[in-house]
Protein backbone atom coordinates (compact mmCIF):
# COMPACT_ATOMS: atom_id res chain seq x y z
CA UNK A 1 130.13 193.46 257.64
CA UNK A 2 129.78 194.05 261.37
CA UNK A 3 126.16 195.04 260.92
CA UNK A 4 123.73 193.31 263.19
CA UNK A 5 120.07 192.75 262.42
CA UNK A 6 117.95 194.72 264.88
CA UNK A 7 114.63 193.42 263.74
CA UNK A 8 112.55 192.53 260.73
CA UNK A 9 109.71 195.01 260.85
CA UNK A 10 106.08 194.79 259.90
CA UNK A 11 105.48 197.51 257.31
CA UNK A 12 102.53 199.74 258.09
CA UNK A 13 100.82 201.30 255.06
CA UNK A 14 99.38 204.67 256.04
CA UNK A 15 98.25 205.99 252.69
CA UNK A 16 99.38 208.89 250.56
CA UNK A 17 98.53 211.89 252.70
CA UNK A 18 98.42 214.20 249.71
CA UNK A 19 99.80 214.45 246.18
CA UNK A 20 99.41 217.57 244.07
CA UNK A 21 100.48 217.26 240.43
CA UNK A 22 101.16 220.48 238.53
CA UNK A 23 102.54 219.17 235.23
CA UNK A 24 100.65 217.75 232.26
CA UNK A 25 102.51 214.46 232.56
CA UNK A 26 101.49 211.50 234.69
CA UNK A 27 102.16 211.52 238.42
CA UNK A 28 105.69 210.76 239.55
CA UNK A 29 104.17 208.63 242.32
CA UNK A 30 103.09 205.10 241.37
CA UNK A 31 99.36 204.62 240.90
CA UNK A 32 97.54 203.76 244.15
CA UNK A 33 100.84 203.94 246.02
CA UNK A 34 100.78 204.25 249.77
CA UNK A 35 103.36 205.81 252.04
CA UNK A 36 104.84 203.00 254.10
CA UNK A 37 106.18 203.57 257.59
CA UNK A 38 109.16 201.22 257.81
CA UNK A 39 110.29 202.13 261.31
CA UNK A 40 109.86 204.89 263.89
CA UNK A 41 112.45 203.70 266.39
CA UNK A 42 115.09 206.39 265.82
CA UNK A 43 115.98 209.79 267.24
CA UNK A 44 116.50 211.96 264.14
CA UNK A 45 117.06 210.37 260.75
CA UNK A 46 119.02 211.92 257.89
CA UNK A 47 121.36 211.40 254.96
CA UNK A 48 119.90 208.39 253.06
CA UNK A 49 121.70 206.87 250.06
CA UNK A 50 121.40 203.49 248.32
CA UNK A 51 124.21 201.08 247.51
CA UNK A 52 124.64 199.16 244.28
CA UNK A 53 122.05 196.54 245.27
CA UNK A 54 119.49 199.12 246.43
CA UNK A 55 119.99 198.76 250.20
CA UNK A 56 119.45 202.16 251.81
CA UNK A 57 121.96 203.54 254.32
CA UNK A 58 120.91 206.43 256.56
CA UNK A 59 122.06 208.29 259.66
CA UNK A 60 120.49 208.60 263.08
CA UNK A 61 122.44 211.70 264.06
CA UNK A 62 121.87 212.03 267.83
CA UNK A 63 122.20 208.26 268.31
CA UNK A 64 125.57 208.25 266.51
CA UNK A 65 124.58 205.39 264.24
CA UNK A 66 124.35 204.57 260.56
CA UNK A 67 121.65 202.04 259.74
CA UNK A 68 120.61 200.34 256.54
CA UNK A 69 117.28 199.10 255.31
CA UNK A 70 117.94 196.07 253.16
CA UNK A 71 116.16 195.06 249.97
CA UNK A 72 114.84 192.13 252.02
CA UNK A 73 113.10 194.47 254.45
CA UNK A 74 115.50 194.14 257.38
CA UNK A 75 116.81 196.97 259.52
CA UNK A 76 120.51 196.67 260.35
CA UNK A 77 123.13 198.74 262.12
CA UNK A 78 126.11 199.41 259.87
CA UNK A 79 128.18 201.66 262.13
CA UNK A 80 128.13 203.08 265.65
CA UNK A 81 130.08 206.00 267.15
CA UNK A 82 129.65 208.03 263.96
CA UNK A 83 130.57 211.47 265.37
CA UNK A 84 127.12 212.76 264.48
CA UNK A 85 127.37 211.72 260.85
CA UNK A 86 124.77 213.40 258.65
CA UNK A 87 125.02 213.14 254.83
CA UNK A 88 126.15 209.98 253.05
CA UNK A 89 127.18 209.25 249.46
CA UNK A 90 128.79 206.40 247.49
CA UNK A 91 131.59 206.98 245.00
CA UNK A 92 131.83 205.23 241.63
CA UNK A 93 133.44 202.18 243.28
CA UNK A 94 130.63 201.93 245.86
CA UNK A 95 132.78 203.14 248.73
CA UNK A 96 130.69 204.99 251.31
CA UNK A 97 131.61 208.53 252.42
CA UNK A 98 130.04 210.54 255.21
CA UNK A 99 129.88 214.08 256.61
CA UNK A 100 130.74 213.76 260.30
CA UNK A 101 129.43 217.00 261.72
CA UNK A 102 130.48 216.26 265.29
CA UNK A 103 134.08 215.58 264.30
CA UNK A 104 134.23 218.29 261.65
CA UNK A 105 135.40 215.95 258.93
CA UNK A 106 134.60 213.99 255.80
CA UNK A 107 135.24 210.27 256.25
CA UNK A 108 135.52 207.15 254.13
CA UNK A 109 134.08 203.85 255.38
CA UNK A 110 134.98 200.28 254.52
CA UNK A 111 132.49 197.42 254.27
CA UNK A 112 132.80 196.79 258.03
CA UNK A 113 131.88 200.36 258.92
CA UNK A 114 135.41 201.38 259.90
CA UNK A 115 135.95 205.06 259.14
CA UNK A 116 139.04 206.96 258.01
CA UNK A 117 139.26 210.75 257.82
CA UNK A 118 139.55 212.10 254.29
CA UNK A 119 139.81 215.76 255.32
CA UNK A 120 139.27 217.44 258.68
CA UNK A 121 140.52 221.04 258.39
CA UNK A 122 140.85 224.08 256.13
CA UNK A 123 143.67 226.62 256.41
CA UNK A 124 144.84 224.95 259.59
CA UNK A 125 141.48 225.11 261.40
CA UNK A 126 138.70 222.53 261.77
CA UNK A 127 135.57 222.74 259.67
CA UNK A 128 132.40 224.10 261.27
CA UNK A 129 130.25 220.99 260.88
CA UNK A 130 130.19 219.21 257.49
CA UNK A 131 126.57 218.48 256.66
CA UNK A 132 126.08 216.98 253.20
CA UNK A 133 128.24 215.83 250.30
CA UNK A 134 128.18 214.79 246.66
CA UNK A 135 130.94 212.91 244.83
CA UNK A 136 131.46 213.80 241.16
CA UNK A 137 132.36 211.34 238.36
CA UNK A 138 136.06 212.07 238.85
CA UNK A 139 135.91 211.24 242.57
CA UNK A 140 136.05 214.82 243.81
CA UNK A 141 133.93 215.70 246.84
CA UNK A 142 131.64 218.73 247.06
CA UNK A 143 130.41 219.38 250.60
CA UNK A 144 128.58 221.96 252.70
CA UNK A 145 129.81 223.19 256.08
CA UNK A 146 127.19 225.06 258.11
CA UNK A 147 126.59 224.70 261.82
CA UNK A 148 123.33 224.24 263.68
CA UNK A 149 123.10 224.96 267.38
CA UNK A 150 125.79 227.04 269.04
CA UNK A 151 127.52 229.42 266.65
CA UNK A 152 130.07 230.65 269.17
CA UNK A 153 133.76 230.39 268.26
CA UNK A 154 133.27 229.12 264.73
CA UNK A 155 136.58 227.77 263.40
CA UNK A 156 135.84 228.93 259.84
CA UNK A 157 134.96 232.53 258.86
CA UNK A 158 131.71 231.58 257.18
CA UNK A 159 129.30 228.88 256.08
CA UNK A 160 130.91 227.80 252.81
CA UNK A 161 130.72 225.10 250.17
CA UNK A 162 133.98 223.26 249.46
CA UNK A 163 135.47 221.04 246.78
CA UNK A 164 138.10 218.41 247.54
CA UNK A 165 139.89 217.16 244.43
CA UNK A 166 140.85 213.47 244.26
CA UNK A 167 144.07 212.94 246.19
CA UNK A 168 144.23 216.55 247.41
CA UNK A 169 145.06 217.42 251.01
CA UNK A 170 143.36 220.80 250.98
CA UNK A 171 139.78 221.66 250.00
CA UNK A 172 138.94 224.70 247.90
CA UNK A 173 136.21 227.16 248.86
CA UNK A 174 133.82 227.45 245.91
CA UNK A 175 130.71 229.18 247.37
CA UNK A 176 130.75 231.88 250.05
CA UNK A 177 127.50 233.82 249.53
CA UNK A 178 124.89 231.59 251.17
CA UNK A 179 123.38 232.06 254.62
CA UNK A 180 123.49 228.36 255.55
CA UNK A 181 124.19 225.92 252.69
CA UNK A 182 122.86 222.47 253.45
CA UNK A 183 121.70 219.90 250.87
CA UNK A 184 123.99 219.40 247.88
CA UNK A 185 123.93 217.14 244.83
CA UNK A 186 125.09 217.13 241.22
CA UNK A 187 123.96 215.41 238.07
CA UNK A 188 125.54 212.09 237.14
CA UNK A 189 127.13 213.64 234.02
CA UNK A 190 129.01 216.06 236.24
CA UNK A 191 127.60 219.12 234.49
CA UNK A 192 125.21 220.68 237.04
CA UNK A 193 125.50 221.30 240.79
CA UNK A 194 122.54 222.03 243.08
CA UNK A 195 122.94 223.61 246.50
CA UNK A 196 120.13 224.41 248.92
CA UNK A 197 120.49 227.47 251.14
CA UNK A 198 118.40 226.21 254.03
CA UNK A 199 118.35 229.44 256.01
CA UNK A 200 118.15 231.66 252.92
CA UNK A 201 115.14 229.65 251.73
CA UNK A 202 116.44 229.33 248.18
CA UNK A 203 118.00 226.58 246.07
CA UNK A 204 120.48 227.34 243.31
CA UNK A 205 121.87 225.55 240.27
CA UNK A 206 125.38 226.04 238.88
CA UNK A 207 127.19 224.97 235.74
CA UNK A 208 130.21 222.78 236.48
CA UNK A 209 132.81 223.99 233.97
CA UNK A 210 135.50 221.67 235.32
CA UNK A 211 135.84 219.75 238.58
CA UNK A 212 135.59 222.29 241.37
CA UNK A 213 134.93 225.17 238.97
CA UNK A 214 131.37 226.49 238.82
CA UNK A 215 129.59 229.34 237.05
CA UNK A 216 126.14 230.49 235.98
CA UNK A 217 124.50 230.64 239.39
CA UNK A 218 120.73 230.66 238.97
CA UNK A 219 117.73 230.30 241.27
CA UNK A 220 116.10 226.93 240.61
CA UNK A 221 113.57 226.95 243.47
CA UNK A 222 112.21 229.65 245.77
CA UNK A 223 112.63 227.42 248.79
CA UNK A 224 115.49 226.08 250.80
CA UNK A 225 115.84 222.45 251.74
CA UNK A 226 117.53 220.15 254.18
CA UNK A 227 118.06 217.17 251.88
CA UNK A 228 118.07 216.98 248.07
CA UNK A 229 117.97 214.23 245.48
CA UNK A 230 117.47 213.76 241.73
CA UNK A 231 115.47 211.29 239.65
CA UNK A 232 116.43 209.77 236.30
CA UNK A 233 114.93 212.73 234.40
CA UNK A 234 116.95 215.27 236.35
CA UNK A 235 113.99 216.42 238.45
CA UNK A 236 115.05 217.93 241.77
CA UNK A 237 113.43 216.82 245.06
CA UNK A 238 113.43 219.29 247.97
CA UNK A 239 112.10 219.05 251.52
CA UNK A 240 110.06 221.71 253.29
CA UNK A 241 107.41 221.57 255.99
CA UNK A 242 105.64 218.20 255.72
CA UNK A 243 106.22 218.09 251.98
CA UNK A 244 108.61 216.95 249.31
CA UNK A 245 108.37 219.30 246.33
CA UNK A 246 109.63 218.15 242.93
CA UNK A 247 111.02 220.66 240.43
CA UNK A 248 111.92 220.13 236.80
CA UNK A 249 115.46 221.02 235.65
CA UNK A 250 113.95 224.33 234.49
CA UNK A 251 112.54 225.10 237.94
CA UNK A 252 108.90 224.24 237.25
CA UNK A 253 106.98 222.69 240.15
CA UNK A 254 105.93 219.20 239.03
CA UNK A 255 104.52 217.69 242.20
CA UNK A 256 104.08 218.21 245.92
CA UNK A 257 103.94 215.08 248.07
CA UNK A 258 102.72 215.43 251.65
CA UNK A 259 104.06 213.16 254.41
CA UNK A 260 102.80 212.45 257.94
CA UNK A 261 105.99 213.98 259.39
CA UNK A 262 108.36 216.66 258.11
CA UNK A 263 110.90 215.02 255.78
CA UNK A 264 114.55 215.86 256.36
CA UNK A 265 115.98 214.00 253.38
CA UNK A 266 115.25 211.36 250.74
CA UNK A 267 116.82 209.04 248.18
CA UNK A 268 115.79 206.38 245.68
CA UNK A 269 116.49 202.76 246.54
CA UNK A 270 115.32 199.20 246.12
CA UNK A 271 116.46 196.71 243.45
CA UNK A 272 114.95 198.84 240.66
CA UNK A 273 115.72 202.16 242.38
CA UNK A 274 112.07 203.15 242.01
CA UNK A 275 111.17 203.52 245.69
CA UNK A 276 111.58 206.90 247.38
CA UNK A 277 112.97 206.41 250.90
CA UNK A 278 112.33 209.36 253.18
CA UNK A 279 113.92 210.18 256.53
CA UNK A 280 111.50 212.19 258.68
CA UNK A 281 112.17 212.94 262.34
CA UNK A 282 112.16 209.57 264.20
CA UNK A 283 111.04 207.63 261.14
CA UNK A 284 111.94 206.03 257.83
CA UNK A 285 109.24 205.97 255.12
CA UNK A 286 109.03 204.44 251.65
CA UNK A 287 106.88 205.45 248.66
CA UNK A 288 106.73 203.52 245.34
CA UNK A 289 107.37 205.78 242.35
CA UNK A 290 106.92 205.83 238.59
CA UNK A 291 110.49 207.07 238.16
CA UNK A 292 113.90 205.80 239.18
CA UNK A 293 116.61 207.68 240.97
CA UNK A 294 119.58 209.21 239.20
CA UNK A 295 121.68 207.54 241.92
């Protein structure tokens, strides 16, 4: 791995700013847990995902870097010149994939951080700006393609959600009726897909009838989200304001966790996958949990 250690940081515990529990069950957050500021040396952090060992990879979009926070508490640089990479996800073989918004493509990365384009156009035109992705159990890639910033001369006719089947050279459009789809994730059994309409301020669930085939659209949360993740019980984590709000698979609000800065995204990591890592503006935070991540 070409990664270089930037520094080993002193972790600053700043306390749980606020936790509201709405369910009858125990808190999802570990007892007496404190939000830990791991680093605030970035420009804008996004797209966290953990590898097999629990090391957390995440993007610093404007800086064109992908970093990782190791299980030993070290901050490393995994890749530079990322073309504004945003979302990240590992496939079943622990190969890392990314949504390179600046290059309009989905890429695959090797252990040295070298990237190869998986797909970079639809119907002969570039994508708008791939934002987030989820890889299903068969190796197919679901991804969102909005654009933030200038919307002049968009190469695609709308902000769509796509599915790329394993080995395919063309992605299929599977969702066309959202204002600006952003965060996306599916359950590990490949049966349910969640997509957050960031601009529409709603998050929807779909049945996955077969790879790339969805039905049964239903509102799961009356809020949009930038990033999304799932815990081992299938609870859905959404970002909004300075909060992470946790919904049950039935759409019941279970908990609202307040952070010092507005979270953009989150994932579970660490050796036991029971620490919630949160990207928020210039920072990376960690919060011990009573649950493990689905991924």
